Amino acid sequence: MNEELSEIVEFIKELEEEGNMPKNVKAKFQGIVKELKETTEENLSLTINKLLSDLDEISSDANLDQFTRQQIWSISSMLEGI
């Protein structure tokens, strides 16, 4: 895993540990972290596109507060930069 992906994984883990995070969102974050850890250079682009779609879906969750939603958008921007 490259350094950029490691930073994103750490960022997601920190966000996941927040006390007000809905359980369904935590589960999705755990799935995203798993996919990022298992991705290879060959399928990186495909994985990033899938995760961007997943993050977009998560950000539209009505149970999220505005801060968490902004953090998800930040993660999306970080992924787009890879």
PDB file of N, CA and C in Angstrom:
ATOM      1  N   MET A   1       0.865  -1.179   0.000  1.00  0.00           N
ATOM      2  CA  MET A   1       0.000   0.000   0.000  1.00  0.00           C
ATOM      3  C   MET A   1       0.906   1.234   0.000  1.00  0.00           C
ATOM      4  N   ASN A   2       0.575   2.183  -0.870  1.00  0.00           N
ATOM      5  CA  ASN A   2       1.410   3.380  -0.928  1.00  0.00           C
ATOM      6  C   ASN A   2       1.083   4.340   0.217  1.00  0.00           C
ATOM      7  N   GLU A   3       1.902   5.353   0.358  1.00  0.00           N
ATOM      8  CA  GLU A   3       1.791   6.280   1.486  1.00  0.00           C
ATOM      9  C   GLU A   3       0.462   7.043   1.483  1.00  0.00           C
ATOM     10  N   GLU A   4       0.001   7.453   0.302  1.00  0.00           N
ATOM     11  CA  GLU A   4      -1.268   8.198   0.218  1.00  0.00           C
ATOM     12  C   GLU A   4      -2.427   7.339   0.714  1.00  0.00           C
ATOM     13  N   LEU A   5      -2.442   6.073   0.312  1.00  0.00           N
ATOM     14  CA  LEU A   5      -3.517   5.185   0.758  1.00  0.00           C
ATOM     15  C   LEU A   5      -3.438   4.952   2.262  1.00  0.00           C
ATOM     16  N   SER A   6      -2.237   4.850   2.794  1.00  0.00           N
ATOM     17  CA  SER A   6      -2.067   4.673   4.241  1.00  0.00           C
ATOM     18  C   SER A   6      -2.633   5.868   5.004  1.00  0.00           C
ATOM     19  N   GLU A   7      -2.403   7.068   4.493  1.00  0.00           N
ATOM     20  CA  GLU A   7      -2.940   8.275   5.129  1.00  0.00           C
ATOM     21  C   GLU A   7      -4.463   8.263   5.116  1.00  0.00           C
ATOM     22  N   ILE A   8      -5.025   7.852   3.997  1.00  0.00           N
ATOM     23  CA  ILE A   8      -6.484   7.801   3.875  1.00  0.00           C
ATOM     24  C   ILE A   8      -7.059   6.775   4.856  1.00  0.00           C
ATOM     25  N   VAL A   9      -6.407   5.619   4.960  1.00  0.00           N
ATOM     26  CA  VAL A   9      -6.861   4.581   5.892  1.00  0.00           C
ATOM     27  C   VAL A   9      -6.850   5.119   7.321  1.00  0.00           C
ATOM     28  N   GLU A  10      -5.776   5.796   7.709  1.00  0.00           N
ATOM     29  CA  GLU A  10      -5.692   6.357   9.064  1.00  0.00           C
ATOM     30  C   GLU A  10      -6.780   7.410   9.292  1.00  0.00           C
ATOM     31  N   PHE A  11      -7.020   8.243   8.292  1.00  0.00           N
ATOM     32  CA  PHE A  11      -8.047   9.279   8.381  1.00  0.00           C
ATOM     33  C   PHE A  11      -9.426   8.646   8.587  1.00  0.00           C
ATOM     34  N   ILE A  12      -9.705   7.595   7.837  1.00  0.00           N
ATOM     35  CA  ILE A  12     -10.995   6.906   7.957  1.00  0.00           C
ATOM     36  C   ILE A  12     -11.123   6.255   9.333  1.00  0.00           C
ATOM     37  N   LYS A  13     -10.054   5.636   9.807  1.00  0.00           N
ATOM     38  CA  LYS A  13     -10.097   4.986  11.126  1.00  0.00           C
ATOM     39  C   LYS A  13     -10.372   6.002  12.227  1.00  0.00           C
ATOM     40  N   GLU A  14      -9.752   7.171  12.139  1.00  0.00           N
ATOM     41  CA  GLU A  14     -10.004   8.222  13.132  1.00  0.00           C
ATOM     42  C   GLU A  14     -11.461   8.664  13.087  1.00  0.00           C
ATOM     43  N   LEU A  15     -11.978   8.839  11.894  1.00  0.00           N
ATOM     44  CA  LEU A  15     -13.371   9.263  11.721  1.00  0.00           C
ATOM     45  C   LEU A  15     -14.326   8.186  12.256  1.00  0.00           C
ATOM     46  N   GLU A  16     -13.981   6.943  12.003  1.00  0.00           N
ATOM     47  CA  GLU A  16     -14.809   5.810  12.427  1.00  0.00           C
ATOM     48  C   GLU A  16     -14.935   5.728  13.951  1.00  0.00           C
ATOM     49  N   GLU A  17     -13.926   6.186  14.669  1.00  0.00           N
ATOM     50  CA  GLU A  17     -13.906   6.079  16.123  1.00  0.00           C
ATOM     51  C   GLU A  17     -14.735   7.146  16.832  1.00  0.00           C
ATOM     52  N   GLU A  18     -15.261   8.092  16.081  1.00  0.00           N
ATOM     53  CA  GLU A  18     -16.091   9.124  16.705  1.00  0.00           C
ATOM     54  C   GLU A  18     -17.330   8.492  17.320  1.00  0.00           C
ATOM     55  N   GLY A  19     -17.706   8.987  18.486  1.00  0.00           N
ATOM     56  CA  GLY A  19     -18.800   8.398  19.246  1.00  0.00           C
ATOM     57  C   GLY A  19     -20.168   8.518  18.605  1.00  0.00           C
ATOM     58  N   ASN A  20     -20.381   9.531  17.794  1.00  0.00           N
ATOM     59  CA  ASN A  20     -21.717   9.760  17.229  1.00  0.00           C
ATOM     60  C   ASN A  20     -21.887   9.148  15.843  1.00  0.00           C
ATOM     61  N   MET A  21     -20.984   8.258  15.457  1.00  0.00           N
ATOM     62  CA  MET A  21     -21.039   7.649  14.130  1.00  0.00           C
ATOM     63  C   MET A  21     -22.093   6.541  14.099  1.00  0.00           C
ATOM     64  N   PRO A  22     -23.043   6.612  13.155  1.00  0.00           N
ATOM     65  CA  PRO A  22     -24.051   5.545  13.034  1.00  0.00           C
ATOM     66  C   PRO A  22     -23.377   4.200  12.718  1.00  0.00           C
ATOM     67  N   LYS A  23     -23.940   3.116  13.228  1.00  0.00           N
ATOM     68  CA  LYS A  23     -23.341   1.788  13.050  1.00  0.00           C
ATOM     69  C   LYS A  23     -23.230   1.391  11.586  1.00  0.00           C
ATOM     70  N   ASN A  24     -24.237   1.728  10.783  1.00  0.00           N
ATOM     71  CA  ASN A  24     -24.175   1.350   9.373  1.00  0.00           C
ATOM     72  C   ASN A  24     -23.028   2.066   8.657  1.00  0.00           C
ATOM     73  N   VAL A  25     -22.747   3.294   9.053  1.00  0.00           N
ATOM     74  CA  VAL A  25     -21.656   4.049   8.447  1.00  0.00           C
ATOM     75  C   VAL A  25     -20.312   3.477   8.905  1.00  0.00           C
ATOM     76  N   LYS A  26     -20.221   3.113  10.177  1.00  0.00           N
ATOM     77  CA  LYS A  26     -19.000   2.474  10.682  1.00  0.00           C
ATOM     78  C   LYS A  26     -18.691   1.208   9.892  1.00  0.00           C
ATOM     79  N   ALA A  27     -19.721   0.416   9.659  1.00  0.00           N
ATOM     80  CA  ALA A  27     -19.534  -0.836   8.914  1.00  0.00           C
ATOM     81  C   ALA A  27     -19.048  -0.554   7.495  1.00  0.00           C
ATOM     82  N   LYS A  28     -19.592   0.470   6.866  1.00  0.00           N
ATOM     83  CA  LYS A  28     -19.165   0.817   5.506  1.00  0.00           C
ATOM     84  C   LYS A  28     -17.724   1.318   5.505  1.00  0.00           C
ATOM     85  N   PHE A  29     -17.360   2.097   6.517  1.00  0.00           N
ATOM     86  CA  PHE A  29     -15.980   2.561   6.632  1.00  0.00           C
ATOM     87  C   PHE A  29     -15.024   1.374   6.786  1.00  0.00           C
ATOM     88  N   GLN A  30     -15.424   0.397   7.581  1.00  0.00           N
ATOM     89  CA  GLN A  30     -14.573  -0.786   7.771  1.00  0.00           C
ATOM     90  C   GLN A  30     -14.384  -1.526   6.448  1.00  0.00           C
ATOM     91  N   GLY A  31     -15.434  -1.606   5.650  1.00  0.00           N
ATOM     92  CA  GLY A  31     -15.335  -2.238   4.336  1.00  0.00           C
ATOM     93  C   GLY A  31     -14.409  -1.463   3.405  1.00  0.00           C
ATOM     94  N   ILE A  32     -14.479  -0.144   3.471  1.00  0.00           N
ATOM     95  CA  ILE A  32     -13.623   0.696   2.640  1.00  0.00           C
ATOM     96  C   ILE A  32     -12.161   0.505   3.031  1.00  0.00           C
ATOM     97  N   VAL A  33     -11.884   0.483   4.332  1.00  0.00           N
ATOM     98  CA  VAL A  33     -10.509   0.280   4.810  1.00  0.00           C
ATOM     99  C   VAL A  33      -9.991  -1.074   4.328  1.00  0.00           C
ATOM    100  N   LYS A  34     -10.819  -2.098   4.427  1.00  0.00           N
ATOM    101  CA  LYS A  34     -10.415  -3.435   3.990  1.00  0.00           C
ATOM    102  C   LYS A  34     -10.074  -3.426   2.498  1.00  0.00           C
ATOM    103  N   GLU A  35     -10.919  -2.796   1.697  1.00  0.00           N
ATOM    104  CA  GLU A  35     -10.666  -2.744   0.253  1.00  0.00           C
ATOM    105  C   GLU A  35      -9.393  -1.975  -0.072  1.00  0.00           C
ATOM    106  N   LEU A  36      -9.155  -0.877   0.641  1.00  0.00           N
ATOM    107  CA  LEU A  36      -7.939  -0.101   0.403  1.00  0.00           C
ATOM    108  C   LEU A  36      -6.697  -0.917   0.752  1.00  0.00           C
ATOM    109  N   LYS A  37      -6.761  -1.679   1.816  1.00  0.00           N
ATOM    110  CA  LYS A  37      -5.612  -2.484   2.229  1.00  0.00           C
ATOM    111  C   LYS A  37      -5.345  -3.629   1.254  1.00  0.00           C
ATOM    112  N   GLU A  38      -6.394  -4.136   0.619  1.00  0.00           N
ATOM    113  CA  GLU A  38      -6.253  -5.287  -0.274  1.00  0.00           C
ATOM    114  C   GLU A  38      -6.006  -4.904  -1.724  1.00  0.00           C
ATOM    115  N   THR A  39      -6.106  -3.629  -2.063  1.00  0.00           N
ATOM    116  CA  THR A  39      -5.976  -3.231  -3.456  1.00  0.00           C
ATOM    117  C   THR A  39      -4.524  -3.338  -3.930  1.00  0.00           C
ATOM    118  N   THR A  40      -4.370  -3.570  -5.213  1.00  0.00           N
ATOM    119  CA  THR A  40      -3.048  -3.625  -5.827  1.00  0.00           C
ATOM    120  C   THR A  40      -2.939  -2.491  -6.839  1.00  0.00           C
ATOM    121  N   GLU A  41      -1.732  -2.251  -7.308  1.00  0.00           N
ATOM    122  CA  GLU A  41      -1.530  -1.187  -8.306  1.00  0.00           C
ATOM    123  C   GLU A  41      -2.357  -1.441  -9.562  1.00  0.00           C
ATOM    124  N   GLU A  42      -2.518  -2.716  -9.916  1.00  0.00           N
ATOM    125  CA  GLU A  42      -3.246  -3.072 -11.143  1.00  0.00           C
ATOM    126  C   GLU A  42      -4.727  -2.687 -11.081  1.00  0.00           C
ATOM    127  N   ASN A  43      -5.332  -2.829  -9.912  1.00  0.00           N
ATOM    128  CA  ASN A  43      -6.770  -2.528  -9.811  1.00  0.00           C
ATOM    129  C   ASN A  43      -7.057  -1.279  -8.982  1.00  0.00           C
ATOM    130  N   LEU A  44      -6.033  -0.448  -8.766  1.00  0.00           N
ATOM    131  CA  LEU A  44      -6.192   0.742  -7.931  1.00  0.00           C
ATOM    132  C   LEU A  44      -7.270   1.680  -8.483  1.00  0.00           C
ATOM    133  N   SER A  45      -7.229   1.936  -9.774  1.00  0.00           N
ATOM    134  CA  SER A  45      -8.192   2.859 -10.388  1.00  0.00           C
ATOM    135  C   SER A  45      -9.625   2.359 -10.214  1.00  0.00           C
ATOM    136  N   LEU A  46      -9.817   1.082 -10.459  1.00  0.00           N
ATOM    137  CA  LEU A  46     -11.151   0.485 -10.313  1.00  0.00           C
ATOM    138  C   LEU A  46     -11.633   0.561  -8.866  1.00  0.00           C
ATOM    139  N   THR A  47     -10.738   0.263  -7.924  1.00  0.00           N
ATOM    140  CA  THR A  47     -11.083   0.314  -6.506  1.00  0.00           C
ATOM    141  C   THR A  47     -11.445   1.732  -6.088  1.00  0.00           C
ATOM    142  N   ILE A  48     -10.658   2.703  -6.514  1.00  0.00           N
ATOM    143  CA  ILE A  48     -10.927   4.100  -6.161  1.00  0.00           C
ATOM    144  C   ILE A  48     -12.280   4.535  -6.690  1.00  0.00           C
ATOM    145  N   ASN A  49     -12.597   4.184  -7.924  1.00  0.00           N
ATOM    146  CA  ASN A  49     -13.905   4.558  -8.486  1.00  0.00           C
ATOM    147  C   ASN A  49     -15.053   3.957  -7.684  1.00  0.00           C
ATOM    148  N   LYS A  50     -14.899   2.693  -7.290  1.00  0.00           N
ATOM    149  CA  LYS A  50     -15.937   2.043  -6.488  1.00  0.00           C
ATOM    150  C   LYS A  50     -16.076   2.729  -5.126  1.00  0.00           C
ATOM    151  N   LEU A  51     -14.930   3.040  -4.502  1.00  0.00           N
ATOM    152  CA  LEU A  51     -14.972   3.659  -3.182  1.00  0.00           C
ATOM    153  C   LEU A  51     -15.544   5.072  -3.242  1.00  0.00           C
ATOM    154  N   LEU A  52     -15.266   5.794  -4.316  1.00  0.00           N
ATOM    155  CA  LEU A  52     -15.866   7.129  -4.470  1.00  0.00           C
ATOM    156  C   LEU A  52     -17.384   7.027  -4.536  1.00  0.00           C
ATOM    157  N   SER A  53     -17.870   6.023  -5.220  1.00  0.00           N
ATOM    158  CA  SER A  53     -19.310   5.796  -5.285  1.00  0.00           C
ATOM    159  C   SER A  53     -19.866   5.446  -3.901  1.00  0.00           C
ATOM    160  N   ASP A  54     -19.142   4.582  -3.175  1.00  0.00           N
ATOM    161  CA  ASP A  54     -19.559   4.206  -1.820  1.00  0.00           C
ATOM    162  C   ASP A  54     -19.589   5.426  -0.894  1.00  0.00           C
ATOM    163  N   LEU A  55     -18.556   6.266  -0.980  1.00  0.00           N
ATOM    164  CA  LEU A  55     -18.492   7.457  -0.120  1.00  0.00           C
ATOM    165  C   LEU A  55     -19.609   8.437  -0.449  1.00  0.00           C
ATOM    166  N   ASP A  56     -19.949   8.541  -1.729  1.00  0.00           N
ATOM    167  CA  ASP A  56     -21.053   9.409  -2.127  1.00  0.00           C
ATOM    168  C   ASP A  56     -22.360   8.914  -1.515  1.00  0.00           C
ATOM    169  N   GLU A  57     -22.530   7.614  -1.531  1.00  0.00           N
ATOM    170  CA  GLU A  57     -23.731   7.009  -0.925  1.00  0.00           C
ATOM    171  C   GLU A  57     -23.759   7.259   0.583  1.00  0.00           C
ATOM    172  N   ILE A  58     -22.619   7.090   1.244  1.00  0.00           N
ATOM    173  CA  ILE A  58     -22.543   7.309   2.697  1.00  0.00           C
ATOM    174  C   ILE A  58     -22.845   8.769   3.031  1.00  0.00           C
ATOM    175  N   SER A  59     -22.308   9.691   2.241  1.00  0.00           N
ATOM    176  CA  SER A  59     -22.476  11.115   2.556  1.00  0.00           C
ATOM    177  C   SER A  59     -23.924  11.574   2.453  1.00  0.00           C
ATOM    178  N   SER A  60     -24.744  10.809   1.762  1.00  0.00           N
ATOM    179  CA  SER A  60     -26.158  11.188   1.641  1.00  0.00           C
ATOM    180  C   SER A  60     -27.011  10.594   2.768  1.00  0.00           C
ATOM    181  N   ASP A  61     -26.375   9.888   3.701  1.00  0.00           N
ATOM    182  CA  ASP A  61     -27.082   9.309   4.850  1.00  0.00           C
ATOM    183  C   ASP A  61     -27.661  10.433   5.712  1.00  0.00           C
ATOM    184  N   ALA A  62     -28.945  10.380   5.969  1.00  0.00           N
ATOM    185  CA  ALA A  62     -29.629  11.435   6.731  1.00  0.00           C
ATOM    186  C   ALA A  62     -29.182  11.491   8.198  1.00  0.00           C
ATOM    187  N   ASN A  63     -28.587  10.411   8.696  1.00  0.00           N
ATOM    188  CA  ASN A  63     -28.177  10.367  10.099  1.00  0.00           C
ATOM    189  C   ASN A  63     -26.826  11.020  10.370  1.00  0.00           C
ATOM    190  N   LEU A  64     -26.133  11.442   9.327  1.00  0.00           N
ATOM    191  CA  LEU A  64     -24.805  12.039   9.510  1.00  0.00           C
ATOM    192  C   LEU A  64     -24.906  13.510   9.872  1.00  0.00           C
ATOM    193  N   ASP A  65     -23.999  13.937  10.745  1.00  0.00           N
ATOM    194  CA  ASP A  65     -23.932  15.375  11.020  1.00  0.00           C
ATOM    195  C   ASP A  65     -23.077  16.047   9.937  1.00  0.00           C
ATOM    196  N   GLN A  66     -23.131  17.352   9.888  1.00  0.00           N
ATOM    197  CA  GLN A  66     -22.461  18.090   8.817  1.00  0.00           C
ATOM    198  C   GLN A  66     -20.945  17.911   8.864  1.00  0.00           C
ATOM    199  N   PHE A  67     -20.355  17.859  10.057  1.00  0.00           N
ATOM    200  CA  PHE A  67     -18.909  17.687  10.187  1.00  0.00           C
ATOM    201  C   PHE A  67     -18.457  16.377   9.543  1.00  0.00           C
ATOM    202  N   THR A  68     -19.156  15.290   9.857  1.00  0.00           N
ATOM    203  CA  THR A  68     -18.804  13.977   9.305  1.00  0.00           C
ATOM    204  C   THR A  68     -18.959  13.978   7.792  1.00  0.00           C
ATOM    205  N   ARG A  69     -20.015  14.594   7.320  1.00  0.00           N
ATOM    206  CA  ARG A  69     -20.236  14.686   5.874  1.00  0.00           C
ATOM    207  C   ARG A  69     -19.066  15.408   5.196  1.00  0.00           C
ATOM    208  N   GLN A  70     -18.598  16.492   5.803  1.00  0.00           N
ATOM    209  CA  GLN A  70     -17.460  17.227   5.243  1.00  0.00           C
ATOM    210  C   GLN A  70     -16.196  16.375   5.267  1.00  0.00           C
ATOM    211  N   GLN A  71     -16.016  15.576   6.304  1.00  0.00           N
ATOM    212  CA  GLN A  71     -14.845  14.698   6.378  1.00  0.00           C
ATOM    213  C   GLN A  71     -14.906  13.649   5.267  1.00  0.00           C
ATOM    214  N   ILE A  72     -16.085  13.141   4.981  1.00  0.00           N
ATOM    215  CA  ILE A  72     -16.252  12.166   3.897  1.00  0.00           C
ATOM    216  C   ILE A  72     -15.902  12.816   2.561  1.00  0.00           C
ATOM    217  N   TRP A  73     -16.302  14.052   2.370  1.00  0.00           N
ATOM    218  CA  TRP A  73     -15.943  14.757   1.136  1.00  0.00           C
ATOM    219  C   TRP A  73     -14.428  14.946   1.044  1.00  0.00           C
ATOM    220  N   SER A  74     -13.787  15.170   2.183  1.00  0.00           N
ATOM    221  CA  SER A  74     -12.327  15.297   2.209  1.00  0.00           C
ATOM    222  C   SER A  74     -11.665  13.979   1.797  1.00  0.00           C
ATOM    223  N   ILE A  75     -12.190  12.873   2.287  1.00  0.00           N
ATOM    224  CA  ILE A  75     -11.663  11.555   1.915  1.00  0.00           C
ATOM    225  C   ILE A  75     -11.835  11.352   0.408  1.00  0.00           C
ATOM    226  N   SER A  76     -12.986  11.738  -0.115  1.00  0.00           N
ATOM    227  CA  SER A  76     -13.219  11.613  -1.561  1.00  0.00           C
ATOM    228  C   SER A  76     -12.200  12.423  -2.357  1.00  0.00           C
ATOM    229  N   SER A  77     -11.935  13.633  -1.899  1.00  0.00           N
ATOM    230  CA  SER A  77     -10.950  14.487  -2.578  1.00  0.00           C
ATOM    231  C   SER A  77      -9.557  13.854  -2.531  1.00  0.00           C
ATOM    232  N   MET A  78      -9.215  13.257  -1.389  1.00  0.00           N
ATOM    233  CA  MET A  78      -7.915  12.599  -1.267  1.00  0.00           C
ATOM    234  C   MET A  78      -7.813  11.420  -2.239  1.00  0.00           C
ATOM    235  N   LEU A  79      -8.890  10.645  -2.370  1.00  0.00           N
ATOM    236  CA  LEU A  79      -8.886   9.520  -3.299  1.00  0.00           C
ATOM    237  C   LEU A  79      -8.792   9.992  -4.748  1.00  0.00           C
ATOM    238  N   GLU A  80      -9.500  11.064  -5.055  1.00  0.00           N
ATOM    239  CA  GLU A  80      -9.461  11.593  -6.421  1.00  0.00           C
ATOM    240  C   GLU A  80      -8.069  12.083  -6.804  1.00  0.00           C
ATOM    241  N   GLY A  81      -7.284  12.489  -5.788  1.00  0.00           N
ATOM    242  CA  GLY A  81      -5.949  12.988  -6.037  1.00  0.00           C
ATOM    243  C   GLY A  81      -4.907  11.914  -6.316  1.00  0.00           C
ATOM    244  N   ILE A  82      -5.293  10.672  -6.137  1.00  0.00           N
ATOM    245  CA  ILE A  82      -4.328   9.568  -6.344  1.00  0.00           C
ATOM    246  C   ILE A  82      -4.240   9.207  -7.811  1.00  0.00           C
TER     247      ILE A  82
END
